[in-house]
Amino acid sequence: MPYAAVADFVETVTDAEALALAKAVAPATGYDSARILGALTDASAELDTYFAARYPTPLNPVPEPAKQAAIAIAREALDRQGRDHVKTAAARWRAWAKDVAKGLAVLGGGAVGEDLPAASAGSGAQYAAPERIFTDDSLSRFTGRG
């Protein structure tokens, strides 16, 4: 199941770039929807290899970051020129997906993404402190927000 539709891809990269990345074979005009859909499906399958470490895949509903990641990775697959900004964007989303798999990042949004990163030993500083003395409620008389 692709995490983004062809329309999402075209909206993100523009009609002109979609045409340049996946030009339809003559006599048809416009972009090749099947080719874009194939790239989106492949990108989503790649993302599932990361997400499957923590979530049942395919994700449903699809969180917005997963959709954007699929678009960036599909765009890289279709880009025959190997433009640096396209490769960098795809690499950034792959790094995020790896962090999701490790529990360092969350999917966010939707029913699936209502989560927190998993705590792990040695994951940084931890502290214990008493309850807060000053809160928004206790200071509302002074801040005028009450």
N, C-alpha and C. Protein backbone atom coordinates (compact mmCIF):
# COMPACT_ATOMS: atom_id res chain seq x y z
N MET A 1 0.84 -1.17 0.00
CA MET A 1 0.00 0.00 0.00
C MET A 1 0.89 1.24 0.00
N PRO A 2 0.80 2.07 -1.01
CA PRO A 2 1.61 3.30 -1.02
C PRO A 2 1.13 4.29 0.03
N TYR A 3 2.07 4.97 0.66
CA TYR A 3 1.74 5.93 1.70
C TYR A 3 1.36 7.30 1.14
N ALA A 4 1.44 7.47 -0.15
CA ALA A 4 1.03 8.73 -0.78
C ALA A 4 0.39 8.39 -2.12
N ALA A 5 -0.55 9.21 -2.53
CA ALA A 5 -1.20 9.04 -3.83
C ALA A 5 -0.41 9.83 -4.87
N VAL A 6 -0.66 9.51 -6.12
CA VAL A 6 -0.03 10.24 -7.22
C VAL A 6 -0.36 11.73 -7.12
N ALA A 7 -1.59 12.05 -6.75
CA ALA A 7 -1.99 13.45 -6.60
C ALA A 7 -1.17 14.16 -5.52
N ASP A 8 -0.85 13.45 -4.42
CA ASP A 8 -0.01 14.02 -3.36
C ASP A 8 1.39 14.30 -3.89
N PHE A 9 1.91 13.36 -4.67
CA PHE A 9 3.24 13.52 -5.26
C PHE A 9 3.28 14.74 -6.16
N VAL A 10 2.31 14.84 -7.05
CA VAL A 10 2.26 15.95 -8.02
C VAL A 10 2.08 17.29 -7.29
N GLU A 11 1.26 17.30 -6.26
CA GLU A 11 1.04 18.53 -5.49
C GLU A 11 2.34 18.97 -4.80
N THR A 12 3.12 18.02 -4.33
CA THR A 12 4.36 18.34 -3.64
C THR A 12 5.46 18.80 -4.59
N VAL A 13 5.62 18.08 -5.72
CA VAL A 13 6.75 18.39 -6.62
C VAL A 13 6.38 19.29 -7.78
N THR A 14 5.13 19.58 -8.01
CA THR A 14 4.55 20.38 -9.09
C THR A 14 4.34 19.54 -10.35
N ASP A 15 3.41 20.00 -11.16
CA ASP A 15 3.10 19.31 -12.43
C ASP A 15 4.31 19.26 -13.35
N ALA A 16 5.04 20.36 -13.42
CA ALA A 16 6.19 20.43 -14.33
C ALA A 16 7.25 19.40 -13.96
N GLU A 17 7.54 19.28 -12.68
CA GLU A 17 8.56 18.30 -12.28
C GLU A 17 8.04 16.88 -12.44
N ALA A 18 6.77 16.64 -12.12
CA ALA A 18 6.20 15.30 -12.32
C ALA A 18 6.32 14.90 -13.79
N LEU A 19 6.08 15.83 -14.68
CA LEU A 19 6.21 15.57 -16.11
C LEU A 19 7.66 15.27 -16.48
N ALA A 20 8.58 16.02 -15.91
CA ALA A 20 10.00 15.80 -16.20
C ALA A 20 10.49 14.46 -15.64
N LEU A 21 9.97 14.07 -14.47
CA LEU A 21 10.42 12.83 -13.83
C LEU A 21 9.78 11.58 -14.44
N ALA A 22 8.54 11.71 -14.90
CA ALA A 22 7.81 10.54 -15.40
C ALA A 22 6.95 10.94 -16.59
N LYS A 23 7.59 11.24 -17.69
CA LYS A 23 6.86 11.65 -18.88
C LYS A 23 6.13 10.45 -19.49
N ALA A 24 4.88 10.68 -19.85
CA ALA A 24 4.08 9.62 -20.45
C ALA A 24 4.59 9.32 -21.86
N VAL A 25 4.41 8.09 -22.26
CA VAL A 25 4.83 7.66 -23.59
C VAL A 25 3.83 8.19 -24.62
N ALA A 26 4.34 8.66 -25.77
CA ALA A 26 3.47 9.18 -26.85
C ALA A 26 2.50 8.09 -27.28
N PRO A 27 1.31 8.39 -27.70
CA PRO A 27 0.74 9.69 -27.97
C PRO A 27 0.13 10.35 -26.74
N ALA A 28 0.25 9.72 -25.57
CA ALA A 28 -0.32 10.31 -24.37
C ALA A 28 0.43 11.58 -24.00
N THR A 29 -0.22 12.41 -23.25
CA THR A 29 0.44 13.63 -22.77
C THR A 29 0.38 13.66 -21.26
N GLY A 30 1.21 14.46 -20.66
CA GLY A 30 1.23 14.57 -19.21
C GLY A 30 2.23 13.61 -18.61
N TYR A 31 2.06 13.35 -17.33
CA TYR A 31 2.99 12.46 -16.62
C TYR A 31 2.43 11.05 -16.57
N ASP A 32 3.32 10.10 -16.36
CA ASP A 32 2.97 8.68 -16.31
C ASP A 32 2.57 8.32 -14.88
N SER A 33 1.29 8.29 -14.62
CA SER A 33 0.77 8.01 -13.27
C SER A 33 1.20 6.65 -12.77
N ALA A 34 1.22 5.66 -13.65
CA ALA A 34 1.59 4.30 -13.24
C ALA A 34 3.04 4.25 -12.77
N ARG A 35 3.90 4.99 -13.44
CA ARG A 35 5.32 5.01 -13.06
C ARG A 35 5.50 5.69 -11.71
N ILE A 36 4.79 6.79 -11.49
CA ILE A 36 4.86 7.49 -10.21
C ILE A 36 4.30 6.61 -9.10
N LEU A 37 3.16 5.94 -9.37
CA LEU A 37 2.56 5.05 -8.38
C LEU A 37 3.52 3.91 -8.03
N GLY A 38 4.22 3.40 -9.02
CA GLY A 38 5.21 2.34 -8.77
C GLY A 38 6.33 2.81 -7.86
N ALA A 39 6.81 4.03 -8.11
CA ALA A 39 7.88 4.59 -7.27
C ALA A 39 7.37 4.83 -5.85
N LEU A 40 6.14 5.30 -5.70
CA LEU A 40 5.55 5.52 -4.37
C LEU A 40 5.36 4.20 -3.63
N THR A 41 4.95 3.16 -4.35
CA THR A 41 4.78 1.84 -3.75
C THR A 41 6.11 1.28 -3.27
N ASP A 42 7.15 1.42 -4.10
CA ASP A 42 8.49 0.95 -3.72
C ASP A 42 9.02 1.73 -2.51
N ALA A 43 8.82 3.04 -2.52
CA ALA A 43 9.28 3.87 -1.41
C ALA A 43 8.56 3.48 -0.12
N SER A 44 7.28 3.24 -0.19
CA SER A 44 6.51 2.84 0.98
C SER A 44 6.97 1.49 1.51
N ALA A 45 7.27 0.58 0.61
CA ALA A 45 7.78 -0.74 1.02
C ALA A 45 9.13 -0.59 1.72
N GLU A 46 9.96 0.32 1.21
CA GLU A 46 11.25 0.57 1.86
C GLU A 46 11.03 1.13 3.27
N LEU A 47 10.12 2.08 3.40
CA LEU A 47 9.83 2.65 4.72
C LEU A 47 9.28 1.59 5.68
N ASP A 48 8.49 0.66 5.16
CA ASP A 48 7.95 -0.40 6.01
C ASP A 48 9.06 -1.25 6.64
N THR A 49 10.20 -1.37 5.96
CA THR A 49 11.30 -2.15 6.54
C THR A 49 11.80 -1.50 7.83
N TYR A 50 11.67 -0.19 7.94
CA TYR A 50 12.04 0.51 9.17
C TYR A 50 10.89 0.49 10.18
N PHE A 51 9.69 0.84 9.72
CA PHE A 51 8.54 0.96 10.61
C PHE A 51 8.16 -0.37 11.25
N ALA A 52 8.40 -1.47 10.56
CA ALA A 52 8.00 -2.79 11.05
C ALA A 52 8.71 -3.15 12.35
N ALA A 53 9.80 -2.47 12.66
CA ALA A 53 10.50 -2.74 13.92
C ALA A 53 9.67 -2.33 15.13
N ARG A 54 8.72 -1.39 14.94
CA ARG A 54 7.94 -0.89 16.07
C ARG A 54 6.44 -0.87 15.85
N TYR A 55 5.99 -0.98 14.60
CA TYR A 55 4.57 -0.83 14.28
C TYR A 55 4.11 -1.93 13.34
N PRO A 56 2.83 -2.27 13.40
CA PRO A 56 2.30 -3.16 12.37
C PRO A 56 2.22 -2.38 11.05
N THR A 57 2.70 -3.01 10.01
CA THR A 57 2.70 -2.36 8.69
C THR A 57 1.79 -3.13 7.75
N PRO A 58 1.25 -2.47 6.74
CA PRO A 58 1.38 -1.06 6.41
C PRO A 58 0.61 -0.19 7.40
N LEU A 59 1.10 1.03 7.59
CA LEU A 59 0.48 1.96 8.52
C LEU A 59 -0.89 2.37 8.01
N ASN A 60 -1.87 2.36 8.90
CA ASN A 60 -3.21 2.79 8.52
C ASN A 60 -3.89 3.33 9.76
N PRO A 61 -4.15 4.61 9.87
CA PRO A 61 -4.00 5.65 8.85
C PRO A 61 -2.53 6.03 8.68
N VAL A 62 -2.25 6.67 7.57
CA VAL A 62 -0.88 7.05 7.24
C VAL A 62 -0.58 8.42 7.85
N PRO A 63 0.39 8.48 8.75
CA PRO A 63 0.77 9.77 9.31
C PRO A 63 1.42 10.66 8.24
N GLU A 64 1.27 11.94 8.38
CA GLU A 64 1.81 12.90 7.41
C GLU A 64 3.32 12.73 7.18
N PRO A 65 4.13 12.53 8.22
CA PRO A 65 5.57 12.35 7.95
C PRO A 65 5.87 11.13 7.08
N ALA A 66 5.11 10.06 7.24
CA ALA A 66 5.33 8.87 6.41
C ALA A 66 4.98 9.17 4.96
N LYS A 67 3.94 9.96 4.74
CA LYS A 67 3.55 10.35 3.38
C LYS A 67 4.65 11.19 2.74
N GLN A 68 5.16 12.17 3.47
CA GLN A 68 6.21 13.04 2.93
C GLN A 68 7.50 12.26 2.67
N ALA A 69 7.81 11.30 3.54
CA ALA A 69 8.99 10.47 3.35
C ALA A 69 8.86 9.64 2.08
N ALA A 70 7.69 9.07 1.86
CA ALA A 70 7.47 8.26 0.65
C ALA A 70 7.61 9.11 -0.60
N ILE A 71 7.11 10.32 -0.58
CA ILE A 71 7.21 11.22 -1.73
C ILE A 71 8.67 11.55 -2.01
N ALA A 72 9.44 11.87 -0.98
CA ALA A 72 10.84 12.23 -1.17
C ALA A 72 11.65 11.06 -1.72
N ILE A 73 11.40 9.87 -1.21
CA ILE A 73 12.16 8.70 -1.66
C ILE A 73 11.74 8.32 -3.08
N ALA A 74 10.46 8.42 -3.40
CA ALA A 74 9.99 8.15 -4.76
C ALA A 74 10.56 9.17 -5.74
N ARG A 75 10.62 10.42 -5.31
CA ARG A 75 11.19 11.47 -6.17
C ARG A 75 12.64 11.17 -6.49
N GLU A 76 13.38 10.69 -5.50
CA GLU A 76 14.78 10.32 -5.73
C GLU A 76 14.88 9.17 -6.73
N ALA A 77 14.00 8.20 -6.61
CA ALA A 77 14.03 7.05 -7.51
C ALA A 77 13.73 7.46 -8.95
N LEU A 78 12.87 8.44 -9.13
CA LEU A 78 12.50 8.88 -10.47
C LEU A 78 13.47 9.90 -11.07
N ASP A 79 14.29 10.51 -10.23
CA ASP A 79 15.19 11.58 -10.68
C ASP A 79 16.42 11.00 -11.36
N ARG A 80 16.43 11.02 -12.69
CA ARG A 80 17.54 10.46 -13.45
C ARG A 80 18.78 11.35 -13.43
N GLN A 81 18.61 12.61 -13.04
CA GLN A 81 19.73 13.55 -13.02
C GLN A 81 20.54 13.46 -11.74
N GLY A 82 20.03 12.84 -10.72
CA GLY A 82 20.75 12.70 -9.46
C GLY A 82 21.03 14.03 -8.79
N ARG A 83 20.03 14.91 -8.80
CA ARG A 83 20.24 16.23 -8.22
C ARG A 83 20.49 16.13 -6.71
N ASP A 84 21.42 16.94 -6.23
CA ASP A 84 21.84 16.88 -4.83
C ASP A 84 20.70 17.16 -3.85
N HIS A 85 19.88 18.17 -4.12
CA HIS A 85 18.82 18.49 -3.16
C HIS A 85 17.78 17.38 -3.07
N VAL A 86 17.58 16.65 -4.15
CA VAL A 86 16.64 15.52 -4.13
C VAL A 86 17.23 14.37 -3.33
N LYS A 87 18.51 14.07 -3.54
CA LYS A 87 19.18 13.01 -2.78
C LYS A 87 19.27 13.35 -1.30
N THR A 88 19.53 14.61 -0.99
CA THR A 88 19.63 15.04 0.40
C THR A 88 18.30 14.90 1.12
N ALA A 89 17.22 15.29 0.46
CA ALA A 89 15.89 15.17 1.06
C ALA A 89 15.55 13.71 1.34
N ALA A 90 15.82 12.84 0.39
CA ALA A 90 15.54 11.42 0.59
C ALA A 90 16.40 10.84 1.72
N ALA A 91 17.66 11.24 1.78
CA ALA A 91 18.54 10.75 2.84
C ALA A 91 18.06 11.22 4.22
N ARG A 92 17.56 12.46 4.28
CA ARG A 92 17.06 13.00 5.54
C ARG A 92 15.84 12.19 6.02
N TRP A 93 14.94 11.83 5.09
CA TRP A 93 13.76 11.04 5.48
C TRP A 93 14.15 9.61 5.84
N ARG A 94 15.15 9.05 5.17
CA ARG A 94 15.61 7.70 5.56
C ARG A 94 16.21 7.71 6.96
N ALA A 95 16.96 8.75 7.27
CA ALA A 95 17.53 8.87 8.62
C ALA A 95 16.42 8.97 9.66
N TRP A 96 15.37 9.72 9.35
CA TRP A 96 14.23 9.81 10.25
C TRP A 96 13.59 8.44 10.44
N ALA A 97 13.41 7.69 9.34
CA ALA A 97 12.79 6.37 9.43
C ALA A 97 13.65 5.43 10.28
N LYS A 98 14.97 5.53 10.16
CA LYS A 98 15.86 4.72 10.99
C LYS A 98 15.69 5.10 12.46
N ASP A 99 15.53 6.39 12.74
CA ASP A 99 15.31 6.83 14.11
C ASP A 99 13.97 6.33 14.65
N VAL A 100 12.96 6.27 13.80
CA VAL A 100 11.67 5.71 14.22
C VAL A 100 11.87 4.24 14.60
N ALA A 101 12.61 3.51 13.80
CA ALA A 101 12.85 2.09 14.08
C ALA A 101 13.60 1.89 15.39
N LYS A 102 14.50 2.82 15.72
CA LYS A 102 15.28 2.73 16.96
C LYS A 102 14.52 3.26 18.17
N GLY A 103 13.39 3.92 17.94
CA GLY A 103 12.63 4.49 19.03
C GLY A 103 13.10 5.88 19.42
N LEU A 104 13.92 6.50 18.58
CA LEU A 104 14.43 7.85 18.86
C LEU A 104 13.53 8.93 18.29
N ALA A 105 12.64 8.56 17.37
CA ALA A 105 11.69 9.49 16.76
C ALA A 105 10.33 8.80 16.74
N VAL A 106 9.29 9.59 16.58
CA VAL A 106 7.94 9.04 16.54
C VAL A 106 7.29 9.37 15.20
N LEU A 107 6.29 8.61 14.87
CA LEU A 107 5.58 8.86 13.62
C LEU A 107 4.77 10.14 13.71
N GLY A 108 4.11 10.35 14.82
CA GLY A 108 3.33 11.56 15.02
C GLY A 108 2.05 11.57 14.21
N GLY A 109 1.01 12.19 14.78
CA GLY A 109 -0.26 12.33 14.09
C GLY A 109 -1.03 11.05 13.94
N GLY A 110 -2.33 11.17 13.90
CA GLY A 110 -3.18 10.01 13.67
C GLY A 110 -3.19 9.06 14.85
N ALA A 111 -3.97 8.03 14.75
CA ALA A 111 -4.10 7.06 15.82
C ALA A 111 -2.81 6.28 16.02
N VAL A 112 -2.09 6.00 14.94
CA VAL A 112 -0.86 5.22 15.04
C VAL A 112 0.20 6.01 15.79
N GLY A 113 0.32 7.29 15.50
CA GLY A 113 1.43 8.07 15.99
C GLY A 113 1.27 8.69 17.36
N GLU A 114 0.22 8.36 18.08
CA GLU A 114 0.07 8.90 19.43
C GLU A 114 0.99 8.13 20.37
N ASP A 115 2.27 8.32 20.18
CA ASP A 115 3.23 7.55 20.94
C ASP A 115 4.38 8.44 21.39
N LEU A 116 5.23 7.89 22.21
CA LEU A 116 6.43 8.57 22.66
C LEU A 116 7.61 7.69 22.31
N PRO A 117 8.80 8.27 22.13
CA PRO A 117 9.95 7.43 21.85
C PRO A 117 10.19 6.47 23.01
N ALA A 118 10.63 5.29 22.70
CA ALA A 118 10.90 4.29 23.72
C ALA A 118 12.13 4.71 24.52
N ALA A 119 12.03 4.57 25.84
CA ALA A 119 13.18 4.89 26.69
C ALA A 119 14.19 3.76 26.58
N SER A 120 15.44 4.12 26.57
CA SER A 120 16.47 3.09 26.52
C SER A 120 17.56 3.46 27.51
N ALA A 121 18.25 2.45 28.00
CA ALA A 121 19.32 2.68 28.95
C ALA A 121 20.42 3.49 28.28
N GLY A 122 20.94 4.45 29.00
CA GLY A 122 22.02 5.26 28.45
C GLY A 122 21.57 6.21 27.36
N SER A 123 20.30 6.62 27.39
CA SER A 123 19.81 7.49 26.33
C SER A 123 19.93 8.95 26.69
N GLY A 124 20.81 9.28 27.60
CA GLY A 124 21.00 10.67 27.97
C GLY A 124 20.74 10.88 29.44
N ALA A 125 20.74 12.12 29.85
CA ALA A 125 20.56 12.47 31.26
C ALA A 125 19.14 12.20 31.72
N GLN A 126 19.03 11.70 32.93
CA GLN A 126 17.73 11.50 33.54
C GLN A 126 17.77 12.17 34.90
N TYR A 127 16.64 12.67 35.36
CA TYR A 127 16.61 13.35 36.65
C TYR A 127 15.28 13.12 37.33
N ALA A 128 15.29 13.32 38.64
CA ALA A 128 14.07 13.27 39.42
C ALA A 128 14.02 14.58 40.19
N ALA A 129 12.87 15.21 40.22
CA ALA A 129 12.74 16.50 40.88
C ALA A 129 11.39 16.56 41.58
N PRO A 130 11.29 17.46 42.58
CA PRO A 130 9.99 17.62 43.25
C PRO A 130 8.99 18.29 42.32
N GLU A 131 7.72 18.29 42.72
CA GLU A 131 6.67 18.94 41.95
C GLU A 131 7.02 20.41 41.74
N ARG A 132 6.53 20.98 40.64
CA ARG A 132 6.75 22.40 40.36
C ARG A 132 6.01 23.27 41.38
N ILE A 133 6.68 24.32 41.80
CA ILE A 133 6.05 25.25 42.73
C ILE A 133 5.22 26.25 41.94
N PHE A 134 5.80 26.80 40.88
CA PHE A 134 5.11 27.80 40.08
C PHE A 134 4.57 27.15 38.81
N THR A 135 3.28 27.23 38.64
CA THR A 135 2.62 26.70 37.45
C THR A 135 1.83 27.81 36.79
N ASP A 136 1.32 27.55 35.61
CA ASP A 136 0.48 28.54 34.94
C ASP A 136 -0.74 28.90 35.80
N ASP A 137 -1.31 27.90 36.45
CA ASP A 137 -2.48 28.16 37.29
C ASP A 137 -2.13 29.00 38.51
N SER A 138 -1.01 28.68 39.18
CA SER A 138 -0.66 29.43 40.38
C SER A 138 -0.21 30.86 40.07
N LEU A 139 0.25 31.09 38.86
CA LEU A 139 0.70 32.43 38.47
C LEU A 139 -0.33 33.20 37.66
N SER A 140 -1.49 32.63 37.44
CA SER A 140 -2.50 33.27 36.57
C SER A 140 -2.95 34.62 37.12
N ARG A 141 -2.96 34.79 38.40
CA ARG A 141 -3.36 36.06 39.01
C ARG A 141 -2.36 37.16 38.64
N PHE A 142 -1.10 36.79 38.46
CA PHE A 142 -0.06 37.78 38.15
C PHE A 142 0.11 38.01 36.65
N THR A 143 -0.18 37.00 35.87
CA THR A 143 -0.01 37.12 34.42
C THR A 143 -1.25 37.63 33.71
N GLY A 144 -2.36 37.68 34.40
CA GLY A 144 -3.60 38.17 33.80
C GLY A 144 -4.27 37.16 32.92
N ARG A 145 -3.94 35.89 33.07
CA ARG A 145 -4.54 34.83 32.25
C ARG A 145 -5.53 33.99 33.05
N GLY A 146 -6.14 34.53 34.00
CA GLY A 146 -7.01 33.72 34.82
C GLY A 146 -8.34 34.20 34.95
